[in-house]
Amino acid sequence: KYLKGVDSLLSMVQMPKGVAVATQAIGEAGAFNAGLLAS
C-alpha cells in the first residue's frame, strides 16, 4: 500500500551471503517470470 513493493523487493534482494534467493520484479511480471524460471 505505502511503498508500492519497493520494501518487499529490498527485503528479498538484499539477502546475506550464503542464503540465495532468485528475486523477480515487483508484481505480476515478477510472478509470471517466477513461474517461467521454475519451469
Full PDB file with SEQRES, HELIX, SHEET, SSBOND, CRYST1, ORIGX, SCALE, CONECT and MASTER records, all heavy atoms in Angstrom:
SEQRES   1 A   39  LYS TYR LEU LYS GLY VAL ASP SER LEU LEU SER MET VAL          
SEQRES   2 A   39  GLN MET PRO LYS GLY VAL ALA VAL ALA THR GLN ALA ILE          
SEQRES   3 A   39  GLY GLU ALA GLY ALA PHE ASN ALA GLY LEU LEU ALA SER          
HELIX    1 AA1 VAL A    6  VAL A   13  1                                   8    
HELIX    2 AA2 GLU A   28  ALA A   38  1                                  11    
CRYST1    1.000    1.000    1.000  90.00  90.00  90.00 P 1           1          
ORIGX1      1.000000  0.000000  0.000000        0.00000                         
ORIGX2      0.000000  1.000000  0.000000        0.00000                         
ORIGX3      0.000000  0.000000  1.000000        0.00000                         
SCALE1      1.000000  0.000000  0.000000        0.00000                         
SCALE2      0.000000  1.000000  0.000000        0.00000                         
SCALE3      0.000000  0.000000  1.000000        0.00000                         
ATOM      1  N   LYS A   1       0.810  -1.216   0.000  1.00  0.00           N  
ATOM      2  CA  LYS A   1       0.000   0.000   0.000  1.00  0.00           C  
ATOM      3  C   LYS A   1       0.848   1.273   0.000  1.00  0.00           C  
ATOM      4  O   LYS A   1       0.595   2.191  -0.767  1.00  0.00           O  
ATOM      5  CB  LYS A   1      -0.928  -0.013   1.215  1.00  0.00           C  
ATOM      6  CG  LYS A   1      -1.852   1.164   1.299  1.00  0.00           C  
ATOM      7  CD  LYS A   1      -2.788   1.035   2.478  1.00  0.00           C  
ATOM      8  CE  LYS A   1      -3.714   2.212   2.576  1.00  0.00           C  
ATOM      9  NZ  LYS A   1      -4.591   2.125   3.740  1.00  0.00           N  
ATOM     10  N   TYR A   2       1.858   1.318   0.848  1.00  0.00           N  
ATOM     11  CA  TYR A   2       2.578   2.572   1.021  1.00  0.00           C  
ATOM     12  C   TYR A   2       3.836   2.707   0.167  1.00  0.00           C  
ATOM     13  O   TYR A   2       4.127   3.774  -0.340  1.00  0.00           O  
ATOM     14  CB  TYR A   2       2.936   2.767   2.490  1.00  0.00           C  
ATOM     15  CG  TYR A   2       1.702   2.882   3.349  1.00  0.00           C  
ATOM     16  CD1 TYR A   2       1.318   1.853   4.183  1.00  0.00           C  
ATOM     17  CD2 TYR A   2       0.887   4.005   3.277  1.00  0.00           C  
ATOM     18  CE1 TYR A   2       0.168   1.944   4.960  1.00  0.00           C  
ATOM     19  CE2 TYR A   2      -0.269   4.107   4.037  1.00  0.00           C  
ATOM     20  CZ  TYR A   2      -0.615   3.072   4.875  1.00  0.00           C  
ATOM     21  OH  TYR A   2      -1.758   3.156   5.621  1.00  0.00           O  
ATOM     22  N   LEU A   3       4.565   1.636   0.001  1.00  0.00           N  
ATOM     23  CA  LEU A   3       5.834   1.733  -0.723  1.00  0.00           C  
ATOM     24  C   LEU A   3       5.802   1.023  -2.079  1.00  0.00           C  
ATOM     25  O   LEU A   3       6.836   0.847  -2.711  1.00  0.00           O  
ATOM     26  CB  LEU A   3       6.978   1.217   0.143  1.00  0.00           C  
ATOM     27  CG  LEU A   3       7.202   2.022   1.435  1.00  0.00           C  
ATOM     28  CD1 LEU A   3       8.276   1.381   2.287  1.00  0.00           C  
ATOM     29  CD2 LEU A   3       7.578   3.463   1.108  1.00  0.00           C  
ATOM     30  N   LYS A   4       4.626   0.598  -2.504  1.00  0.00           N  
ATOM     31  CA  LYS A   4       4.405   0.047  -3.850  1.00  0.00           C  
ATOM     32  C   LYS A   4       5.265  -1.177  -4.165  1.00  0.00           C  
ATOM     33  O   LYS A   4       5.542  -1.462  -5.316  1.00  0.00           O  
ATOM     34  CB  LYS A   4       4.626   1.111  -4.923  1.00  0.00           C  
ATOM     35  CG  LYS A   4       3.896   2.414  -4.679  1.00  0.00           C  
ATOM     36  CD  LYS A   4       2.398   2.211  -4.605  1.00  0.00           C  
ATOM     37  CE  LYS A   4       1.707   3.542  -4.415  1.00  0.00           C  
ATOM     38  NZ  LYS A   4       0.570   3.481  -3.553  1.00  0.00           N  
ATOM     39  N   GLY A   5       5.736  -1.892  -3.159  1.00  0.00           N  
ATOM     40  CA  GLY A   5       6.505  -3.107  -3.372  1.00  0.00           C  
ATOM     41  C   GLY A   5       8.007  -2.925  -3.305  1.00  0.00           C  
ATOM     42  O   GLY A   5       8.748  -3.908  -3.326  1.00  0.00           O  
ATOM     43  N   VAL A   6       8.469  -1.681  -3.234  1.00  0.00           N  
ATOM     44  CA  VAL A   6       9.910  -1.452  -3.135  1.00  0.00           C  
ATOM     45  C   VAL A   6      10.445  -2.042  -1.827  1.00  0.00           C  
ATOM     46  O   VAL A   6      11.528  -2.628  -1.794  1.00  0.00           O  
ATOM     47  CB  VAL A   6      10.258   0.049  -3.257  1.00  0.00           C  
ATOM     48  CG1 VAL A   6      11.729   0.307  -2.991  1.00  0.00           C  
ATOM     49  CG2 VAL A   6       9.873   0.557  -4.646  1.00  0.00           C  
ATOM     50  N   ASP A   7       9.662  -1.922  -0.750  1.00  0.00           N  
ATOM     51  CA  ASP A   7      10.066  -2.517   0.529  1.00  0.00           C  
ATOM     52  C   ASP A   7      10.196  -4.031   0.405  1.00  0.00           C  
ATOM     53  O   ASP A   7      11.163  -4.632   0.879  1.00  0.00           O  
ATOM     54  CB  ASP A   7       9.084  -2.143   1.643  1.00  0.00           C  
ATOM     55  CG  ASP A   7       7.625  -2.401   1.286  1.00  0.00           C  
ATOM     56  OD1 ASP A   7       7.297  -2.541   0.086  1.00  0.00           O  
ATOM     57  OD2 ASP A   7       6.798  -2.446   2.211  1.00  0.00           O  
ATOM     58  N   SER A   8       9.253  -4.646  -0.284  1.00  0.00           N  
ATOM     59  CA  SER A   8       9.295  -6.096  -0.497  1.00  0.00           C  
ATOM     60  C   SER A   8      10.504  -6.483  -1.339  1.00  0.00           C  
ATOM     61  O   SER A   8      11.217  -7.439  -1.015  1.00  0.00           O  
ATOM     62  CB  SER A   8       8.024  -6.566  -1.208  1.00  0.00           C  
ATOM     63  OG  SER A   8       6.880  -6.127  -0.527  1.00  0.00           O  
ATOM     64  N   LEU A   9      10.730  -5.749  -2.409  1.00  0.00           N  
ATOM     65  CA  LEU A   9      11.867  -6.013  -3.287  1.00  0.00           C  
ATOM     66  C   LEU A   9      13.183  -5.963  -2.513  1.00  0.00           C  
ATOM     67  O   LEU A   9      14.011  -6.870  -2.610  1.00  0.00           O  
ATOM     68  CB  LEU A   9      11.896  -5.007  -4.432  1.00  0.00           C  
ATOM     69  CG  LEU A   9      13.114  -5.072  -5.356  1.00  0.00           C  
ATOM     70  CD1 LEU A   9      13.134  -6.376  -6.134  1.00  0.00           C  
ATOM     71  CD2 LEU A   9      13.120  -3.878  -6.293  1.00  0.00           C  
ATOM     72  N   LEU A  10      13.367  -4.914  -1.725  1.00  0.00           N  
ATOM     73  CA  LEU A  10      14.624  -4.781  -0.986  1.00  0.00           C  
ATOM     74  C   LEU A  10      14.787  -5.874   0.061  1.00  0.00           C  
ATOM     75  O   LEU A  10      15.895  -6.375   0.278  1.00  0.00           O  
ATOM     76  CB  LEU A  10      14.717  -3.390  -0.342  1.00  0.00           C  
ATOM     77  CG  LEU A  10      14.826  -2.231  -1.346  1.00  0.00           C  
ATOM     78  CD1 LEU A  10      14.800  -0.895  -0.616  1.00  0.00           C  
ATOM     79  CD2 LEU A  10      16.067  -2.369  -2.206  1.00  0.00           C  
ATOM     80  N   SER A  11      13.683  -6.278   0.694  1.00  0.00           N  
ATOM     81  CA  SER A  11      13.761  -7.368   1.674  1.00  0.00           C  
ATOM     82  C   SER A  11      14.191  -8.671   1.015  1.00  0.00           C  
ATOM     83  O   SER A  11      14.882  -9.484   1.627  1.00  0.00           O  
ATOM     84  CB  SER A  11      12.395  -7.594   2.340  1.00  0.00           C  
ATOM     85  OG  SER A  11      12.051  -6.502   3.137  1.00  0.00           O  
ATOM     86  N   MET A  12      13.792  -8.863  -0.221  1.00  0.00           N  
ATOM     87  CA  MET A  12      14.079 -10.121  -0.916  1.00  0.00           C  
ATOM     88  C   MET A  12      15.438 -10.128  -1.605  1.00  0.00           C  
ATOM     89  O   MET A  12      16.129 -11.136  -1.619  1.00  0.00           O  
ATOM     90  CB  MET A  12      12.989 -10.402  -1.945  1.00  0.00           C  
ATOM     91  CG  MET A  12      11.653 -10.700  -1.315  1.00  0.00           C  
ATOM     92  SD  MET A  12      10.366 -10.766  -2.559  1.00  0.00           S  
ATOM     93  CE  MET A  12       9.009 -11.397  -1.588  1.00  0.00           C  
ATOM     94  N   VAL A  13      15.800  -9.015  -2.191  1.00  0.00           N  
ATOM     95  CA  VAL A  13      17.018  -8.986  -2.997  1.00  0.00           C  
ATOM     96  C   VAL A  13      18.278  -8.802  -2.144  1.00  0.00           C  
ATOM     97  O   VAL A  13      19.356  -9.233  -2.534  1.00  0.00           O  
ATOM     98  CB  VAL A  13      16.911  -7.908  -4.099  1.00  0.00           C  
ATOM     99  CG1 VAL A  13      17.165  -6.511  -3.557  1.00  0.00           C  
ATOM    100  CG2 VAL A  13      17.810  -8.216  -5.263  1.00  0.00           C  
ATOM    101  N   GLN A  14      18.157  -8.224  -0.966  1.00  0.00           N  
ATOM    102  CA  GLN A  14      19.319  -7.965  -0.107  1.00  0.00           C  
ATOM    103  C   GLN A  14      19.552  -9.115   0.872  1.00  0.00           C  
ATOM    104  O   GLN A  14      19.620  -8.918   2.074  1.00  0.00           O  
ATOM    105  CB  GLN A  14      19.132  -6.649   0.649  1.00  0.00           C  
ATOM    106  CG  GLN A  14      19.286  -5.427  -0.213  1.00  0.00           C  
ATOM    107  CD  GLN A  14      20.659  -5.322  -0.828  1.00  0.00           C  
ATOM    108  OE1 GLN A  14      20.804  -5.341  -2.026  1.00  0.00           O  
ATOM    109  NE2 GLN A  14      21.690  -5.215  -0.007  1.00  0.00           N  
ATOM    110  N   MET A  15      19.724 -10.318   0.347  1.00  0.00           N  
ATOM    111  CA  MET A  15      19.971 -11.484   1.193  1.00  0.00           C  
ATOM    112  C   MET A  15      21.449 -11.542   1.567  1.00  0.00           C  
ATOM    113  O   MET A  15      22.304 -11.142   0.776  1.00  0.00           O  
ATOM    114  CB  MET A  15      19.564 -12.763   0.455  1.00  0.00           C  
ATOM    115  CG  MET A  15      18.077 -12.863   0.173  1.00  0.00           C  
ATOM    116  SD  MET A  15      17.064 -12.778   1.660  1.00  0.00           S  
ATOM    117  CE  MET A  15      17.673 -14.195   2.549  1.00  0.00           C  
ATOM    118  N   PRO A  16      21.730 -12.066   2.757  1.00  0.00           N  
ATOM    119  CA  PRO A  16      23.133 -12.194   3.136  1.00  0.00           C  
ATOM    120  C   PRO A  16      23.825 -13.296   2.328  1.00  0.00           C  
ATOM    121  O   PRO A  16      23.171 -14.218   1.835  1.00  0.00           O  
ATOM    122  CB  PRO A  16      23.069 -12.571   4.620  1.00  0.00           C  
ATOM    123  CG  PRO A  16      21.733 -13.185   4.804  1.00  0.00           C  
ATOM    124  CD  PRO A  16      20.825 -12.520   3.811  1.00  0.00           C  
ATOM    125  N   LYS A  17      25.126 -13.177   2.204  1.00  0.00           N  
ATOM    126  CA  LYS A  17      25.912 -14.182   1.507  1.00  0.00           C  
ATOM    127  C   LYS A  17      25.639 -15.555   2.117  1.00  0.00           C  
ATOM    128  O   LYS A  17      25.637 -15.714   3.337  1.00  0.00           O  
ATOM    129  CB  LYS A  17      27.402 -13.844   1.616  1.00  0.00           C  
ATOM    130  CG  LYS A  17      28.306 -14.803   0.875  1.00  0.00           C  
ATOM    131  CD  LYS A  17      29.723 -14.285   0.808  1.00  0.00           C  
ATOM    132  CE  LYS A  17      30.462 -14.614   2.084  1.00  0.00           C  
ATOM    133  NZ  LYS A  17      31.893 -14.282   1.984  1.00  0.00           N  
ATOM    134  N   GLY A  18      25.364 -16.529   1.269  1.00  0.00           N  
ATOM    135  CA  GLY A  18      25.115 -17.882   1.736  1.00  0.00           C  
ATOM    136  C   GLY A  18      23.645 -18.269   1.804  1.00  0.00           C  
ATOM    137  O   GLY A  18      23.320 -19.420   2.075  1.00  0.00           O  
ATOM    138  N   VAL A  19      22.744 -17.301   1.569  1.00  0.00           N  
ATOM    139  CA  VAL A  19      21.300 -17.592   1.532  1.00  0.00           C  
ATOM    140  C   VAL A  19      20.785 -17.035   0.202  1.00  0.00           C  
ATOM    141  O   VAL A  19      20.448 -15.865   0.097  1.00  0.00           O  
ATOM    142  CB  VAL A  19      20.535 -16.970   2.726  1.00  0.00           C  
ATOM    143  CG1 VAL A  19      19.063 -17.350   2.667  1.00  0.00           C  
ATOM    144  CG2 VAL A  19      21.148 -17.392   4.045  1.00  0.00           C  
ATOM    145  N   ALA A  20      20.760 -17.903  -0.815  1.00  0.00           N  
ATOM    146  CA  ALA A  20      20.419 -17.471  -2.173  1.00  0.00           C  
ATOM    147  C   ALA A  20      18.909 -17.448  -2.391  1.00  0.00           C  
ATOM    148  O   ALA A  20      18.211 -18.396  -2.044  1.00  0.00           O  
ATOM    149  CB  ALA A  20      21.066 -18.399  -3.187  1.00  0.00           C  
ATOM    150  N   VAL A  21      18.437 -16.340  -2.954  1.00  0.00           N  
ATOM    151  CA  VAL A  21      17.034 -16.191  -3.351  1.00  0.00           C  
ATOM    152  C   VAL A  21      17.039 -15.540  -4.737  1.00  0.00           C  
ATOM    153  O   VAL A  21      17.678 -14.512  -4.936  1.00  0.00           O  
ATOM    154  CB  VAL A  21      16.250 -15.305  -2.347  1.00  0.00           C  
ATOM    155  CG1 VAL A  21      14.857 -15.013  -2.865  1.00  0.00           C  
ATOM    156  CG2 VAL A  21      16.184 -15.961  -0.979  1.00  0.00           C  
ATOM    157  N   ALA A  22      16.350 -16.149  -5.684  1.00  0.00           N  
ATOM    158  CA  ALA A  22      16.259 -15.607  -7.043  1.00  0.00           C  
ATOM    159  C   ALA A  22      15.084 -14.634  -7.091  1.00  0.00           C  
ATOM    160  O   ALA A  22      13.948 -15.029  -7.284  1.00  0.00           O  
ATOM    161  CB  ALA A  22      16.063 -16.740  -8.053  1.00  0.00           C  
ATOM    162  N   THR A  23      15.350 -13.360  -6.889  1.00  0.00           N  
ATOM    163  CA  THR A  23      14.296 -12.357  -6.783  1.00  0.00           C  
ATOM    164  C   THR A  23      13.887 -11.834  -8.155  1.00  0.00           C  
ATOM    165  O   THR A  23      14.730 -11.489  -8.979  1.00  0.00           O  
ATOM    166  CB  THR A  23      14.763 -11.188  -5.892  1.00  0.00           C  
ATOM    167  OG1 THR A  23      15.187 -11.717  -4.632  1.00  0.00           O  
ATOM    168  CG2 THR A  23      13.649 -10.188  -5.673  1.00  0.00           C  
ATOM    169  N   GLN A  24      12.575 -11.771  -8.357  1.00  0.00           N  
ATOM    170  CA  GLN A  24      11.998 -11.303  -9.611  1.00  0.00           C  
ATOM    171  C   GLN A  24      11.511  -9.859  -9.455  1.00  0.00           C  
ATOM    172  O   GLN A  24      11.629  -9.266  -8.398  1.00  0.00           O  
ATOM    173  CB  GLN A  24      10.848 -12.226 -10.018  1.00  0.00           C  
ATOM    174  CG  GLN A  24      11.263 -13.668 -10.199  1.00  0.00           C  
ATOM    175  CD  GLN A  24      12.326 -13.835 -11.268  1.00  0.00           C  
ATOM    176  OE1 GLN A  24      12.107 -13.493 -12.432  1.00  0.00           O  
ATOM    177  NE2 GLN A  24      13.479 -14.350 -10.895  1.00  0.00           N  
ATOM    178  N   ALA A  25      10.906  -9.333 -10.500  1.00  0.00           N  
ATOM    179  CA  ALA A  25      10.370  -7.974 -10.490  1.00  0.00           C  
ATOM    180  C   ALA A  25       9.151  -7.878  -9.567  1.00  0.00           C  
ATOM    181  O   ALA A  25       8.524  -8.889  -9.232  1.00  0.00           O  
ATOM    182  CB  ALA A  25       9.965  -7.570 -11.912  1.00  0.00           C  
ATOM    183  N   ILE A  26       8.808  -6.682  -9.190  1.00  0.00           N  
ATOM    184  CA  ILE A  26       7.632  -6.431  -8.351  1.00  0.00           C  
ATOM    185  C   ILE A  26       6.362  -6.718  -9.157  1.00  0.00           C  
ATOM    186  O   ILE A  26       6.231  -6.295 -10.305  1.00  0.00           O  
ATOM    187  CB  ILE A  26       7.604  -4.960  -7.875  1.00  0.00           C  
ATOM    188  CG1 ILE A  26       8.823  -4.658  -7.011  1.00  0.00           C  
ATOM    189  CG2 ILE A  26       6.310  -4.653  -7.124  1.00  0.00           C  
ATOM    190  CD1 ILE A  26       9.046  -3.170  -6.740  1.00  0.00           C  
ATOM    191  N   GLY A  27       5.431  -7.439  -8.551  1.00  0.00           N  
ATOM    192  CA  GLY A  27       4.095  -7.609  -9.114  1.00  0.00           C  
ATOM    193  C   GLY A  27       3.940  -8.726 -10.120  1.00  0.00           C  
ATOM    194  O   GLY A  27       4.656  -9.729 -10.103  1.00  0.00           O  
ATOM    195  N   GLU A  28       2.963  -8.536 -11.025  1.00  0.00           N  
ATOM    196  CA  GLU A  28       2.554  -9.579 -11.951  1.00  0.00           C  
ATOM    197  C   GLU A  28       3.664 -10.040 -12.875  1.00  0.00           C  
ATOM    198  O   GLU A  28       3.787 -11.239 -13.154  1.00  0.00           O  
ATOM    199  CB  GLU A  28       1.341  -9.135 -12.783  1.00  0.00           C  
ATOM    200  CG  GLU A  28       0.038  -9.063 -12.008  1.00  0.00           C  
ATOM    201  CD  GLU A  28      -0.157  -7.746 -11.264  1.00  0.00           C  
ATOM    202  OE1 GLU A  28       0.717  -6.845 -11.366  1.00  0.00           O  
ATOM    203  OE2 GLU A  28      -1.170  -7.617 -10.566  1.00  0.00           O  
ATOM    204  N   ALA A  29       4.478  -9.116 -13.391  1.00  0.00           N  
ATOM    205  CA  ALA A  29       5.585  -9.523 -14.272  1.00  0.00           C  
ATOM    206  C   ALA A  29       6.545 -10.435 -13.524  1.00  0.00           C  
ATOM    207  O   ALA A  29       7.003 -11.449 -14.057  1.00  0.00           O  
ATOM    208  CB  ALA A  29       6.321  -8.298 -14.817  1.00  0.00           C  
ATOM    209  N   GLY A  30       6.830 -10.105 -12.278  1.00  0.00           N  
ATOM    210  CA  GLY A  30       7.707 -10.942 -11.473  1.00  0.00           C  
ATOM    211  C   GLY A  30       7.104 -12.302 -11.189  1.00  0.00           C  
ATOM    212  O   GLY A  30       7.794 -13.329 -11.222  1.00  0.00           O  
ATOM    213  N   ALA A  31       5.806 -12.341 -10.906  1.00  0.00           N  
ATOM    214  CA  ALA A  31       5.134 -13.623 -10.652  1.00  0.00           C  
ATOM    215  C   ALA A  31       5.158 -14.494 -11.905  1.00  0.00           C  
ATOM    216  O   ALA A  31       5.474 -15.684 -11.833  1.00  0.00           O  
ATOM    217  CB  ALA A  31       3.701 -13.387 -10.181  1.00  0.00           C  
ATOM    218  N   PHE A  32       4.841 -13.917 -13.054  1.00  0.00           N  
ATOM    219  CA  PHE A  32       4.871 -14.673 -14.307  1.00  0.00           C  
ATOM    220  C   PHE A  32       6.268 -15.239 -14.541  1.00  0.00           C  
ATOM    221  O   PHE A  32       6.436 -16.422 -14.840  1.00  0.00           O  
ATOM    222  CB  PHE A  32       4.450 -13.782 -15.483  1.00  0.00           C  
ATOM    223  CG  PHE A  32       4.325 -14.519 -16.780  1.00  0.00           C  
ATOM    224  CD1 PHE A  32       3.105 -15.025 -17.181  1.00  0.00           C  
ATOM    225  CD2 PHE A  32       5.431 -14.713 -17.598  1.00  0.00           C  
ATOM    226  CE1 PHE A  32       2.980 -15.720 -18.384  1.00  0.00           C  
ATOM    227  CE2 PHE A  32       5.320 -15.403 -18.791  1.00  0.00           C  
ATOM    228  CZ  PHE A  32       4.093 -15.912 -19.193  1.00  0.00           C  
ATOM    229  N   ASN A  33       7.278 -14.375 -14.406  1.00  0.00           N  
ATOM    230  CA  ASN A  33       8.657 -14.815 -14.635  1.00  0.00           C  
ATOM    231  C   ASN A  33       9.106 -15.854 -13.613  1.00  0.00           C  
ATOM    232  O   ASN A  33       9.940 -16.706 -13.922  1.00  0.00           O  
ATOM    233  CB  ASN A  33       9.612 -13.627 -14.667  1.00  0.00           C  
ATOM    234  CG  ASN A  33       9.487 -12.849 -15.967  1.00  0.00           C  
ATOM    235  OD1 ASN A  33       8.975 -13.359 -16.964  1.00  0.00           O  
ATOM    236  ND2 ASN A  33       9.957 -11.621 -15.958  1.00  0.00           N  
ATOM    237  N   ALA A  34       8.558 -15.808 -12.408  1.00  0.00           N  
ATOM    238  CA  ALA A  34       8.873 -16.832 -11.412  1.00  0.00           C  
ATOM    239  C   ALA A  34       8.375 -18.192 -11.875  1.00  0.00           C  
ATOM    240  O   ALA A  34       9.084 -19.200 -11.768  1.00  0.00           O  
ATOM    241  CB  ALA A  34       8.265 -16.470 -10.063  1.00  0.00           C  
ATOM    242  N   GLY A  35       7.160 -18.240 -12.420  1.00  0.00           N  
ATOM    243  CA  GLY A  35       6.639 -19.485 -12.966  1.00  0.00           C  
ATOM    244  C   GLY A  35       7.460 -19.968 -14.149  1.00  0.00           C  
ATOM    245  O   GLY A  35       7.743 -21.165 -14.282  1.00  0.00           O  
ATOM    246  N   LEU A  36       7.873 -19.044 -14.982  1.00  0.00           N  
ATOM    247  CA  LEU A  36       8.700 -19.387 -16.138  1.00  0.00           C  
ATOM    248  C   LEU A  36      10.074 -19.885 -15.691  1.00  0.00           C  
ATOM    249  O   LEU A  36      10.568 -20.906 -16.183  1.00  0.00           O  
ATOM    250  CB  LEU A  36       8.837 -18.170 -17.063  1.00  0.00           C  
ATOM    251  CG  LEU A  36       9.646 -18.362 -18.334  1.00  0.00           C  
ATOM    252  CD1 LEU A  36       9.083 -19.490 -19.190  1.00  0.00           C  
ATOM    253  CD2 LEU A  36       9.687 -17.055 -19.118  1.00  0.00           C  
ATOM    254  N   LEU A  37      10.690 -19.200 -14.742  1.00  0.00           N  
ATOM    255  CA  LEU A  37      12.009 -19.599 -14.251  1.00  0.00           C  
ATOM    256  C   LEU A  37      11.953 -20.978 -13.571  1.00  0.00           C  
ATOM    257  O   LEU A  37      12.842 -21.810 -13.772  1.00  0.00           O  
ATOM    258  CB  LEU A  37      12.568 -18.556 -13.285  1.00  0.00           C  
ATOM    259  CG  LEU A  37      13.961 -18.825 -12.715  1.00  0.00           C  
ATOM    260  CD1 LEU A  37      15.003 -18.988 -13.827  1.00  0.00           C  
ATOM    261  CD2 LEU A  37      14.359 -17.702 -11.769  1.00  0.00           C  
ATOM    262  N   ALA A  38      10.906 -21.221 -12.811  1.00  0.00           N  
ATOM    263  CA  ALA A  38      10.747 -22.543 -12.197  1.00  0.00           C  
ATOM    264  C   ALA A  38      10.674 -23.617 -13.282  1.00  0.00           C  
ATOM    265  O   ALA A  38      11.304 -24.681 -13.164  1.00  0.00           O  
ATOM    266  CB  ALA A  38       9.493 -22.578 -11.322  1.00  0.00           C  
ATOM    267  N   SER A  39       9.952 -23.337 -14.353  1.00  0.00           N  
ATOM    268  CA  SER A  39       9.852 -24.278 -15.475  1.00  0.00           C  
ATOM    269  C   SER A  39      11.210 -24.503 -16.119  1.00  0.00           C  
ATOM    270  O   SER A  39      11.569 -25.637 -16.471  1.00  0.00           O  
ATOM    271  CB  SER A  39       8.861 -23.754 -16.521  1.00  0.00           C  
ATOM    272  OG  SER A  39       7.577 -23.589 -15.955  1.00  0.00           O  
TER     273      SER A  39                                                      
MASTER        0    0    0    2    0    0    0    6  272    1    0    3          
END                                                                             
